[in-house]
Amino acid sequence: MAVDTVREFIGYDGMPPKVMLEKMRDEALHFGARIQSNKVDRIVPREDGFFDVSTSLGTLTSRSVVLATGLDR
C-alpha cells in the first residue's frame, strides 16, 4: 500500500512523500551532506567513534550513518 500524503511530520504535513524527500535532500546538501546511493555490504564501528562503510564502490569512513527505507528515489 503506497502512502500519498505525509501526515503529522513537523514542517512536511500534507506533502507528497516524493516532494518531502526532495526537500530533505536539498536541505541536507545545503548543510554539506554528501548523498550516495550504493549497496552497503558492511558497517563496522571504529574505536574513534567513526564507521567504516563497505559499499559497492569501495570503503568510506563516516561520522554517522543514516539508514532510511520505504521511499523510492
Protein backbone atom coordinates (compact mmCIF):
# COMPACT_ATOMS: atom_id res chain seq x y z
CA MET A 1 0.00 0.00 0.00
CA ALA A 2 1.51 3.32 -1.05
CA VAL A 3 1.28 6.46 1.03
CA ASP A 4 0.24 9.51 -0.95
CA THR A 5 0.44 12.14 1.81
CA VAL A 6 2.76 12.68 4.77
CA ARG A 7 0.83 13.31 7.99
CA GLU A 8 1.89 14.86 11.30
CA PHE A 9 5.57 15.28 10.40
CA ILE A 10 6.55 18.78 11.51
CA GLY A 11 7.15 21.03 8.52
CA TYR A 12 6.02 18.43 5.98
CA ASP A 13 2.37 17.71 6.92
CA GLY A 14 0.15 17.19 3.88
CA MET A 15 3.07 16.87 1.47
CA PRO A 16 3.50 14.01 -1.03
CA PRO A 17 6.39 11.70 0.03
CA LYS A 18 8.44 12.37 -3.13
CA VAL A 19 8.28 16.13 -2.54
CA MET A 20 9.26 15.60 1.12
CA LEU A 21 12.26 13.51 0.05
CA GLU A 22 13.38 16.17 -2.45
CA LYS A 23 13.13 18.94 0.16
CA MET A 24 15.00 16.88 2.79
CA ARG A 25 17.78 16.06 0.31
CA ASP A 26 18.07 19.72 -0.68
CA GLU A 27 18.33 20.71 2.98
CA ALA A 28 20.95 18.05 3.71
CA LEU A 29 23.02 19.20 0.73
CA HIS A 30 22.71 22.81 1.87
CA PHE A 31 24.35 21.82 5.16
CA GLY A 32 27.20 19.94 3.50
CA ALA A 33 25.92 16.37 3.35
CA ARG A 34 27.01 14.10 0.55
CA ILE A 35 24.27 11.74 -0.56
CA GLN A 36 25.20 8.47 -2.23
CA SER A 37 23.04 5.57 -3.27
CA ASN A 38 25.09 2.40 -3.05
CA LYS A 39 24.65 -1.14 -1.87
CA VAL A 40 26.15 -1.30 1.62
CA ASP A 41 27.82 -4.62 2.32
CA ARG A 42 29.05 -3.95 5.84
CA ILE A 43 29.26 -1.23 8.51
CA VAL A 44 32.00 -1.53 11.13
CA PRO A 45 32.10 0.83 14.13
CA ARG A 46 35.60 2.09 14.91
CA GLU A 47 37.17 2.83 18.30
CA ASP A 48 37.35 6.55 17.44
CA GLY A 49 33.56 6.79 17.03
CA PHE A 50 33.59 6.74 13.23
CA PHE A 51 32.30 3.99 10.95
CA ASP A 52 33.93 2.13 8.08
CA VAL A 53 31.21 1.57 5.49
CA SER A 54 31.95 -1.01 2.80
CA THR A 55 29.90 -0.33 -0.35
CA SER A 56 29.77 -1.48 -3.92
CA LEU A 57 32.07 1.48 -4.74
CA GLY A 58 34.67 0.85 -2.01
CA THR A 59 35.06 1.71 1.68
CA LEU A 60 34.05 5.08 3.12
CA THR A 61 34.70 6.47 6.58
CA SER A 62 31.74 8.27 8.14
CA ARG A 63 30.98 10.18 11.33
CA SER A 64 27.40 8.94 11.24
CA VAL A 65 25.21 6.53 9.32
CA VAL A 66 21.56 7.10 8.43
CA LEU A 67 19.53 4.10 7.38
CA ALA A 68 16.30 5.03 5.62
CA THR A 69 13.91 2.69 3.86
CA GLY A 70 10.48 2.89 2.34
CA LEU A 71 10.79 5.78 -0.14
CA ASP A 72 11.60 5.39 -3.80
CA ARG A 73 14.42 7.53 -5.16
